[in-house]
C-alpha atoms as a PDB file:
ATOM      1  CA  MET A   1      -6.391 -25.017 -27.883  1.00  0.00           C
ATOM      2  CA  GLN A   2      -7.087 -23.046 -24.744  1.00  0.00           C
ATOM      3  CA  THR A   3      -4.285 -21.664 -22.691  1.00  0.00           C
ATOM      4  CA  ASP A   4      -4.734 -20.425 -19.188  1.00  0.00           C
ATOM      5  CA  TYR A   5      -3.130 -17.056 -18.767  1.00  0.00           C
ATOM      6  CA  ILE A   6      -2.489 -15.668 -15.327  1.00  0.00           C
ATOM      7  CA  GLU A   7      -2.109 -11.922 -15.329  1.00  0.00           C
ATOM      8  CA  PRO A   8       0.917 -10.622 -13.443  1.00  0.00           C
ATOM      9  CA  ILE A   9       0.203  -9.161 -10.039  1.00  0.00           C
ATOM     10  CA  GLU A  10       1.289  -5.588  -9.514  1.00  0.00           C
ATOM     11  CA  SER A  11       3.257  -5.356  -6.294  1.00  0.00           C
ATOM     12  CA  THR A  12       2.456  -2.958  -3.482  1.00  0.00           C
ATOM     13  CA  PRO A  13       3.982   0.442  -4.278  1.00  0.00           C
ATOM     14  CA  ILE A  14       7.130   1.467  -2.453  1.00  0.00           C
ATOM     15  CA  LEU A  15       7.015   5.019  -1.162  1.00  0.00           C
ATOM     16  CA  HIS A  16      10.235   6.980  -1.477  1.00  0.00           C
ATOM     17  CA  SER A  17       9.692  10.415   0.040  1.00  0.00           C
ATOM     18  CA  LYS A  18       9.339  11.033   3.746  1.00  0.00           C
ATOM     19  CA  LYS A  19       6.122  12.978   3.197  1.00  0.00           C
ATOM     20  CA  CYS A  20       4.474  10.034   1.469  1.00  0.00           C
ATOM     21  CA  LYS A  21       5.720   7.587   4.105  1.00  0.00           C
ATOM     22  CA  LEU A  22       4.287   9.800   6.845  1.00  0.00           C
ATOM     23  CA  ILE A  23       0.923  10.071   5.081  1.00  0.00           C
ATOM     24  CA  SER A  24       0.863   6.291   4.667  1.00  0.00           C
ATOM     25  CA  LEU A  25       1.680   5.792   8.355  1.00  0.00           C
ATOM     26  CA  ILE A  26      -1.091   8.178   9.427  1.00  0.00           C
ATOM     27  CA  THR A  27      -3.572   6.415   7.146  1.00  0.00           C
ATOM     28  CA  ARG A  28      -2.538   3.002   8.495  1.00  0.00           C
ATOM     29  CA  VAL A  29      -2.853   4.123  12.130  1.00  0.00           C
ATOM     30  CA  PHE A  30      -6.268   5.591  11.321  1.00  0.00           C
ATOM     31  CA  LEU A  31      -7.453   2.323   9.775  1.00  0.00           C
ATOM     32  CA  GLN A  32      -6.048   0.187  12.592  1.00  0.00           C
ATOM     33  CA  SER A  33      -6.866   2.106  15.731  1.00  0.00           C
ATOM     34  CA  THR A  34     -10.023   4.138  15.137  1.00  0.00           C
ATOM     35  CA  THR A  35     -12.322   1.334  16.260  1.00  0.00           C
ATOM     36  CA  ILE A  36     -10.614   0.687  19.584  1.00  0.00           C
ATOM     37  CA  VAL A  37      -9.947   4.346  20.408  1.00  0.00           C
ATOM     38  CA  THR A  38     -13.556   5.315  19.721  1.00  0.00           C
ATOM     39  CA  ALA A  39     -14.855   2.460  21.891  1.00  0.00           C
ATOM     40  CA  LEU A  40     -12.511   3.417  24.740  1.00  0.00           C
ATOM     41  CA  ILE A  41     -13.629   7.041  24.562  1.00  0.00           C
ATOM     42  CA  ALA A  42     -17.288   5.955  24.615  1.00  0.00           C
ATOM     43  CA  TRP A  43     -16.574   3.695  27.598  1.00  0.00           C
ATOM     44  CA  TYR A  44     -14.848   6.547  29.459  1.00  0.00           C
ATOM     45  CA  LEU A  45     -17.619   9.047  28.727  1.00  0.00           C
ATOM     46  CA  TYR A  46     -20.649   6.761  29.104  1.00  0.00           C
ATOM     47  CA  ASP A  47     -20.806   3.105  30.129  1.00  0.00           C
ATOM     48  CA  TYR A  48     -20.100  -0.439  28.951  1.00  0.00           C
ATOM     49  CA  PHE A  49     -23.280  -0.833  26.931  1.00  0.00           C
ATOM     50  CA  VAL A  50     -22.675   2.324  24.897  1.00  0.00           C
ATOM     51  CA  ALA A  51     -19.019   1.337  24.452  1.00  0.00           C
ATOM     52  CA  ILE A  52     -19.943  -2.094  23.074  1.00  0.00           C
ATOM     53  CA  ALA A  53     -22.560  -0.574  20.764  1.00  0.00           C
ATOM     54  CA  THR A  54     -20.024   2.015  19.598  1.00  0.00           C
ATOM     55  CA  LEU A  55     -17.426  -0.702  19.053  1.00  0.00           C
ATOM     56  CA  LEU A  56     -19.798  -2.669  16.829  1.00  0.00           C
ATOM     57  CA  LEU A  57     -20.964   0.381  14.900  1.00  0.00           C
ATOM     58  CA  VAL A  58     -17.474   1.773  14.313  1.00  0.00           C
ATOM     59  CA  PHE A  59     -16.228  -1.710  13.356  1.00  0.00           C
ATOM     60  CA  ILE A  60     -18.830  -1.827  10.585  1.00  0.00           C
ATOM     61  CA  VAL A  61     -18.158   1.762   9.473  1.00  0.00           C
ATOM     62  CA  MET A  62     -14.382   1.250   9.364  1.00  0.00           C
ATOM     63  CA  GLY A  63     -14.880  -1.965   7.401  1.00  0.00           C
ATOM     64  CA  ILE A  64     -16.860   0.011   4.838  1.00  0.00           C
ATOM     65  CA  VAL A  65     -14.208   2.769   4.746  1.00  0.00           C
ATOM     66  CA  ARG A  66     -11.430   0.191   4.373  1.00  0.00           C
ATOM     67  CA  ALA A  67     -13.311  -1.553   1.544  1.00  0.00           C
ATOM     68  CA  LYS A  68     -14.018   1.731  -0.261  1.00  0.00           C
ATOM     69  CA  ILE A  69     -10.357   2.768  -0.096  1.00  0.00           C
ATOM     70  CA  ARG A  70      -9.211  -0.689  -1.180  1.00  0.00           C
ATOM     71  CA  ASN A  71     -11.599  -0.875  -4.125  1.00  0.00           C
ATOM     72  CA  GLU A  72     -10.700   2.648  -5.225  1.00  0.00           C
ATOM     73  CA  VAL A  73      -6.943   2.174  -5.542  1.00  0.00           C
ATOM     74  CA  ILE A  74      -6.116  -1.519  -5.977  1.00  0.00           C
ATOM     75  CA  PRO A  75      -6.348  -2.777  -9.571  1.00  0.00           C
ATOM     76  CA  ILE A  76      -9.500  -4.734 -10.396  1.00  0.00           C
ATOM     77  CA  THR A  77      -7.534  -7.827 -11.414  1.00  0.00           C
ATOM     78  CA  GLN A  78      -6.085  -7.992  -7.888  1.00  0.00           C
ATOM     79  CA  SER A  79      -9.249  -7.212  -5.953  1.00  0.00           C
ATOM     80  CA  GLU A  80      -9.687 -10.797  -4.739  1.00  0.00           C
ATOM     81  CA  HIS A  81      -6.350 -10.860  -2.930  1.00  0.00           C
ATOM     82  CA  HIS A  82      -6.133 -10.108   0.773  1.00  0.00           C
ATOM     83  CA  TYR A  83      -4.443  -6.853   1.768  1.00  0.00           C
ATOM     84  CA  ASN A  84      -3.605  -5.696   5.282  1.00  0.00           C
ATOM     85  CA  ASP A  85      -3.962  -2.106   6.481  1.00  0.00           C
ATOM     86  CA  LYS A  86      -0.333  -1.272   5.694  1.00  0.00           C
ATOM     87  CA  SER A  87      -0.726  -2.378   2.076  1.00  0.00           C
ATOM     88  CA  ILE A  88      -4.035  -0.552   1.682  1.00  0.00           C
ATOM     89  CA  ALA A  89      -2.480   2.634   3.096  1.00  0.00           C
ATOM     90  CA  SER A  90       0.529   2.296   0.780  1.00  0.00           C
ATOM     91  CA  TRP A  91      -1.655   1.768  -2.289  1.00  0.00           C
ATOM     92  CA  TYR A  92      -3.915   4.694  -1.342  1.00  0.00           C
ATOM     93  CA  THR A  93      -1.024   7.044  -0.655  1.00  0.00           C
ATOM     94  CA  ALA A  94       0.822   6.094  -3.831  1.00  0.00           C
ATOM     95  CA  LYS A  95      -2.191   6.237  -6.157  1.00  0.00           C
ATOM     96  CA  GLN A  96      -4.245   9.103  -4.736  1.00  0.00           C
ATOM     97  CA  LEU A  97      -2.146  11.384  -2.546  1.00  0.00           C
ATOM     98  CA  CYS A  98       1.483  11.178  -3.667  1.00  0.00           C
ATOM     99  CA  ASP A  99       3.050  10.890  -7.053  1.00  0.00           C
ATOM    100  CA  ASP A 100       6.594   9.784  -6.280  1.00  0.00           C
ATOM    101  CA  SER A 101       7.493   9.583  -9.944  1.00  0.00           C
ATOM    102  CA  LEU A 102       7.136  13.360 -10.237  1.00  0.00           C
ATOM    103  CA  GLU A 103       9.209  13.907  -7.106  1.00  0.00           C
ATOM    104  CA  LEU A 104      11.936  11.551  -8.356  1.00  0.00           C
ATOM    105  CA  ASN A 105      12.003  13.303 -11.736  1.00  0.00           C
ATOM    106  CA  LEU A 106      12.366  16.685 -10.041  1.00  0.00           C
ATOM    107  CA  GLU A 107      15.265  15.383  -7.940  1.00  0.00           C
ATOM    108  CA  LYS A 108      17.125  14.278 -11.070  1.00  0.00           C
ATOM    109  CA  ILE A 109      16.931  17.764 -12.626  1.00  0.00           C
END
């Protein structure tokens, strides 16, 4: 008899320290606004055509960066789920940059 087993989904990590929250916020702002800011700078410095080309190019590059970060930190069993920039930044900060469990253990001592 076959039984279908659905693996539990690990929730998005909750960041506890202010340093980790700030790093997550900076990462999220970077992922969200780099495309538009770069296109606006290109439009200011050059013209519309260069700005549109820059917008398209940076959109593709940021999509690749976002996918690389997402695939690096989110568990493989959850890779098919959709994650917004805030969740990706939280996962990345919790898994790669901050280890809140060490900070919490030091606070208890």
